[in-house]
Protein backbone atom coordinates (compact mmCIF):
# COMPACT_ATOMS: atom_id res chain seq x y z
CA PHE A 1 19.84 4.79 24.57
CA PHE A 2 18.15 4.48 21.28
CA PHE A 3 16.62 1.41 20.16
CA PHE A 4 15.52 0.43 16.53
CA PHE A 5 12.72 -2.18 16.03
CA PHE A 6 12.49 -4.09 13.03
CA PHE A 7 9.22 -5.97 12.30
CA GLN A 8 8.58 -8.50 9.60
CA ALA A 9 5.15 -9.62 9.31
CA GLU A 10 4.91 -13.41 8.18
CA ASP A 11 1.60 -12.86 6.42
CA GLY A 12 1.61 -9.32 5.89
CA ILE A 13 -1.54 -6.95 6.90
CA ARG A 14 -4.45 -8.03 4.81
CA ASP A 15 -7.38 -6.98 6.69
CA VAL A 16 -8.21 -3.40 8.13
CA GLU A 17 -10.32 -5.00 11.08
CA ARG A 18 -7.17 -7.10 12.35
CA SER A 19 -4.91 -4.16 11.70
CA ARG A 20 -6.72 -1.60 13.91
CA GLY A 21 -4.32 -1.93 16.94
CA LEU A 22 -1.23 -1.42 14.95
CA GLY A 23 -0.96 2.28 16.00
CA ASP A 24 -1.28 1.36 19.74
CA VAL A 25 1.30 -1.71 19.41
CA TYR A 26 3.87 0.65 17.89
CA LYS A 27 3.24 3.82 19.68
CA ARG A 28 6.96 3.87 21.01
CA GLN A 29 8.88 2.62 18.04
CA LYS A 30 11.28 4.85 15.85
CA LEU A 31 11.72 2.49 12.91
CA LEU A 32 9.24 0.17 11.32
CA CYS A 33 10.48 -2.00 8.41
CA LEU A 34 7.70 -4.03 6.39
CA ASN A 35 9.84 -4.27 3.17
CA GLY A 36 8.57 -7.15 0.97
CA ASN A 37 5.40 -7.70 2.96
CA GLY A 38 2.40 -7.94 0.75
CA ILE A 39 0.20 -5.70 3.05
CA GLY A 40 -1.93 -4.80 0.18
CA ASP A 41 -4.44 -1.77 -0.28
CA LEU A 42 -6.31 -2.51 2.93
CA GLY A 43 -3.09 -2.98 4.91
CA GLY A 44 -1.94 0.46 3.59
CA GLU A 45 -5.26 2.10 4.39
CA ALA A 46 -4.82 0.70 8.05
CA LEU A 47 -1.42 1.74 8.33
CA GLY A 48 -2.27 5.13 7.09
CA GLU A 49 -4.87 5.51 9.85
CA ALA A 50 -2.35 4.34 12.40
CA LEU A 51 0.36 6.95 11.14
CA LYS A 52 -2.38 9.77 11.70
CA ASN A 53 -1.94 9.17 15.59
CA ASN A 54 1.56 7.87 15.97
CA ARG A 55 3.77 10.29 17.61
CA SER A 56 7.02 8.35 17.72
CA LEU A 57 7.77 6.73 14.48
CA VAL A 58 10.62 8.37 12.55
CA GLU A 59 11.40 5.94 9.80
CA LEU A 60 8.96 3.93 7.75
CA HIS A 61 10.11 1.52 5.21
CA LEU A 62 7.54 -0.13 2.81
CA ARG A 63 9.54 -1.17 -0.33
CA SER A 64 7.85 -3.65 -2.35
CA CYS A 65 4.64 -4.03 -0.10
CA SER A 66 2.07 -4.29 -3.23
CA VAL A 67 0.29 -1.30 -1.87
CA LYS A 68 -1.29 1.80 -3.43
CA VAL A 69 0.67 4.61 -1.63
CA ILE A 70 -2.44 7.01 -1.51
CA GLY A 71 -3.66 5.74 1.85
CA ILE A 72 -0.40 6.11 3.48
CA VAL A 73 0.31 9.40 1.94
CA ARG A 74 -2.83 10.93 2.98
CA SER A 75 -2.09 10.33 6.74
CA LEU A 76 1.03 12.38 6.19
CA LYS A 77 -0.83 15.61 6.56
CA ALA A 78 -1.56 14.72 10.18
CA ASN A 79 1.67 13.06 11.07
CA ARG A 80 4.30 15.19 12.58
CA THR A 81 7.23 12.78 13.33
CA LEU A 82 7.77 10.73 10.35
CA GLU A 83 11.21 11.95 8.72
CA VAL A 84 12.07 9.09 6.33
CA LEU A 85 9.52 7.29 4.02
CA ASN A 86 10.43 4.71 1.59
CA LEU A 87 7.60 3.70 -0.81
CA ASN A 88 10.04 2.10 -3.29
CA ASP A 89 8.43 -0.43 -5.78
CA ASN A 90 4.85 0.34 -4.98
CA MET A 91 1.92 1.66 -6.91
CA ILE A 92 1.56 5.50 -7.03
CA GLU A 93 -1.08 6.01 -9.80
CA VAL A 94 -2.24 9.41 -10.84
CA GLU A 95 -4.43 10.27 -7.86
CA GLY A 96 -1.83 9.07 -5.33
CA GLY A 97 0.65 11.31 -7.23
CA LYS A 98 -1.78 14.20 -6.68
CA VAL A 99 -2.13 13.51 -3.01
CA LEU A 100 1.58 13.09 -2.59
CA CYS A 101 2.31 16.67 -4.11
CA GLU A 102 -0.37 18.14 -1.75
CA VAL A 103 1.02 16.46 1.23
CA LEU A 104 4.51 17.44 0.48
CA LYS A 105 3.61 21.17 0.27
CA VAL A 106 2.31 21.15 3.95
CA ASN A 107 4.38 18.57 5.50
CA ARG A 108 7.65 20.18 6.60
CA VAL A 109 8.93 17.11 8.62
CA ILE A 110 9.73 14.64 5.89
CA THR A 111 13.46 14.84 5.05
CA LYS A 112 13.76 11.86 2.95
CA PHE A 113 11.36 10.26 0.68
CA VAL A 114 12.19 7.27 -1.39
CA LEU A 115 10.14 6.46 -4.61
CA LYS A 116 10.95 4.91 -7.91
């Protein structure tokens, strides 16, 4: 049996303090889709922290989430389960691009990365 879980936050993740439990809540999820949620930079940082400890998430879709990707991308150095990452229509910026290149040199798990 294989289940996918789609999570669509009504109000997005806007506050790091309110988002601390995200890693615990979704420890068994294989797919997390937050497309179109304005999680913002703080939500991206919180999600990045949760990804460091998550050992089950295989796909993460964050298209158009108004987030700088650097917080999420940094976490991928520690994450060994995420295979698909969609960061389409988000802000990379120069520093985020540099971190992304560093991460992709060491992360051998990601097989599909969507970014434009």
